[in-house]
Amino acid sequence: MDTDTEPSDEPEYTVNRSVVRDAIFDAVGTVALLGFALVFLFVGVRGFVVGSSLPLSAAFVAASLLVAGAALDLVPPFRG
């Protein structure tokens, strides 16, 4: 009787796959948030240069800093 059985790699494969998927989603999310931050910064700075509404331009610059900080985990997360 052969009682030696090989352990299954299925649990490790599942865990590794979910870890890699989470890492890819985190990287894509960070790049997307930084892209939004650049758009907000561009709109805010353009508002300052063109002479648009100064409070609105300042709000866009502040929003860009907040979004960039959230993307880089420098501010507390928005969700609980």
C-alpha atoms as a PDB file:
ATOM      1  CA  MET A   1       0.000   0.000   0.000  1.00  0.00           C
ATOM      2  CA  ASP A   2       1.290   3.374  -1.000  1.00  0.00           C
ATOM      3  CA  THR A   3       0.318   5.980   1.585  1.00  0.00           C
ATOM      4  CA  ASP A   4       2.510   8.756   0.246  1.00  0.00           C
ATOM      5  CA  THR A   5       0.338  11.355  -1.432  1.00  0.00           C
ATOM      6  CA  GLU A   6       1.557  14.606  -2.848  1.00  0.00           C
ATOM      7  CA  PRO A   7       0.104  17.721  -1.297  1.00  0.00           C
ATOM      8  CA  SER A   8      -2.043  19.766  -3.603  1.00  0.00           C
ATOM      9  CA  ASP A   9      -0.718  23.108  -4.804  1.00  0.00           C
ATOM     10  CA  GLU A  10      -4.233  24.422  -5.400  1.00  0.00           C
ATOM     11  CA  PRO A  11      -4.509  26.540  -2.200  1.00  0.00           C
ATOM     12  CA  GLU A  12      -1.108  28.150  -2.810  1.00  0.00           C
ATOM     13  CA  TYR A  13      -2.001  28.830  -6.435  1.00  0.00           C
ATOM     14  CA  THR A  14      -5.281  30.456  -5.413  1.00  0.00           C
ATOM     15  CA  VAL A  15      -3.614  32.632  -2.783  1.00  0.00           C
ATOM     16  CA  ASN A  16      -0.793  33.665  -5.124  1.00  0.00           C
ATOM     17  CA  ARG A  17      -3.229  34.490  -7.888  1.00  0.00           C
ATOM     18  CA  SER A  18      -5.365  36.687  -5.612  1.00  0.00           C
ATOM     19  CA  VAL A  19      -2.269  38.453  -4.246  1.00  0.00           C
ATOM     20  CA  VAL A  20      -1.004  39.229  -7.749  1.00  0.00           C
ATOM     21  CA  ARG A  21      -4.467  40.399  -8.855  1.00  0.00           C
ATOM     22  CA  ASP A  22      -4.721  42.718  -5.833  1.00  0.00           C
ATOM     23  CA  ALA A  23      -1.251  44.123  -6.517  1.00  0.00           C
ATOM     24  CA  ILE A  24      -2.118  44.829 -10.147  1.00  0.00           C
ATOM     25  CA  PHE A  25      -5.398  46.505  -9.176  1.00  0.00           C
ATOM     26  CA  ASP A  26      -3.555  48.613  -6.576  1.00  0.00           C
ATOM     27  CA  ALA A  27      -0.978  49.709  -9.147  1.00  0.00           C
ATOM     28  CA  VAL A  28      -3.628  50.576 -11.746  1.00  0.00           C
ATOM     29  CA  GLY A  29      -5.665  52.431  -9.124  1.00  0.00           C
ATOM     30  CA  THR A  30      -2.648  54.449  -8.010  1.00  0.00           C
ATOM     31  CA  VAL A  31      -1.802  55.427 -11.578  1.00  0.00           C
ATOM     32  CA  ALA A  32      -5.438  56.371 -12.242  1.00  0.00           C
ATOM     33  CA  LEU A  33      -5.630  58.537  -9.117  1.00  0.00           C
ATOM     34  CA  LEU A  34      -2.382  60.268 -10.006  1.00  0.00           C
ATOM     35  CA  GLY A  35      -3.792  60.910 -13.476  1.00  0.00           C
ATOM     36  CA  PHE A  36      -6.892  62.510 -11.972  1.00  0.00           C
ATOM     37  CA  ALA A  37      -4.665  64.582  -9.712  1.00  0.00           C
ATOM     38  CA  LEU A  38      -2.734  65.849 -12.742  1.00  0.00           C
ATOM     39  CA  VAL A  39      -5.983  66.798 -14.487  1.00  0.00           C
ATOM     40  CA  PHE A  40      -7.198  68.679 -11.401  1.00  0.00           C
ATOM     41  CA  LEU A  41      -3.839  70.413 -11.084  1.00  0.00           C
ATOM     42  CA  PHE A  42      -3.881  71.403 -14.748  1.00  0.00           C
ATOM     43  CA  VAL A  43      -7.398  72.847 -14.462  1.00  0.00           C
ATOM     44  CA  GLY A  44      -6.511  74.727 -11.270  1.00  0.00           C
ATOM     45  CA  VAL A  45      -3.269  76.205 -12.591  1.00  0.00           C
ATOM     46  CA  ARG A  46      -4.938  77.090 -15.880  1.00  0.00           C
ATOM     47  CA  GLY A  47      -7.610  78.918 -13.909  1.00  0.00           C
ATOM     48  CA  PHE A  48      -4.939  80.946 -12.130  1.00  0.00           C
ATOM     49  CA  VAL A  49      -3.143  81.789 -15.380  1.00  0.00           C
ATOM     50  CA  VAL A  50      -6.231  82.634 -17.446  1.00  0.00           C
ATOM     51  CA  GLY A  51      -7.760  84.693 -14.654  1.00  0.00           C
ATOM     52  CA  SER A  52     -10.779  82.564 -13.972  1.00  0.00           C
ATOM     53  CA  SER A  53     -12.472  82.280 -10.597  1.00  0.00           C
ATOM     54  CA  LEU A  54      -9.689  82.217  -8.010  1.00  0.00           C
ATOM     55  CA  PRO A  55     -11.616  80.255  -5.349  1.00  0.00           C
ATOM     56  CA  LEU A  56     -12.574  77.609  -7.904  1.00  0.00           C
ATOM     57  CA  SER A  57      -9.002  77.374  -9.167  1.00  0.00           C
ATOM     58  CA  ALA A  58      -7.719  77.056  -5.603  1.00  0.00           C
ATOM     59  CA  ALA A  59     -10.289  74.316  -4.968  1.00  0.00           C
ATOM     60  CA  PHE A  60      -9.021  72.374  -7.982  1.00  0.00           C
ATOM     61  CA  VAL A  61      -5.410  72.696  -6.813  1.00  0.00           C
ATOM     62  CA  ALA A  62      -6.409  71.580  -3.304  1.00  0.00           C
ATOM     63  CA  ALA A  63      -8.378  68.652  -4.760  1.00  0.00           C
ATOM     64  CA  SER A  64      -5.354  67.630  -6.809  1.00  0.00           C
ATOM     65  CA  LEU A  65      -3.182  67.612  -3.690  1.00  0.00           C
ATOM     66  CA  LEU A  66      -5.790  65.611  -1.786  1.00  0.00           C
ATOM     67  CA  VAL A  67      -6.196  63.009  -4.546  1.00  0.00           C
ATOM     68  CA  ALA A  68      -2.427  62.674  -5.010  1.00  0.00           C
ATOM     69  CA  GLY A  69      -1.996  62.295  -1.257  1.00  0.00           C
ATOM     70  CA  ALA A  70      -4.678  59.622  -1.166  1.00  0.00           C
ATOM     71  CA  ALA A  71      -3.042  57.773  -4.061  1.00  0.00           C
ATOM     72  CA  LEU A  72       0.275  57.697  -2.209  1.00  0.00           C
ATOM     73  CA  ASP A  73      -1.327  56.858   1.175  1.00  0.00           C
ATOM     74  CA  LEU A  74      -0.288  60.162   2.722  1.00  0.00           C
ATOM     75  CA  VAL A  75      -3.799  61.044   3.917  1.00  0.00           C
ATOM     76  CA  PRO A  76      -6.271  58.818   5.753  1.00  0.00           C
ATOM     77  CA  PRO A  77      -8.420  56.692   3.438  1.00  0.00           C
ATOM     78  CA  PHE A  78     -11.769  58.068   2.297  1.00  0.00           C
ATOM     79  CA  ARG A  79     -13.625  54.892   3.176  1.00  0.00           C
ATOM     80  CA  GLY A  80     -13.840  53.180   6.532  1.00  0.00           C
END
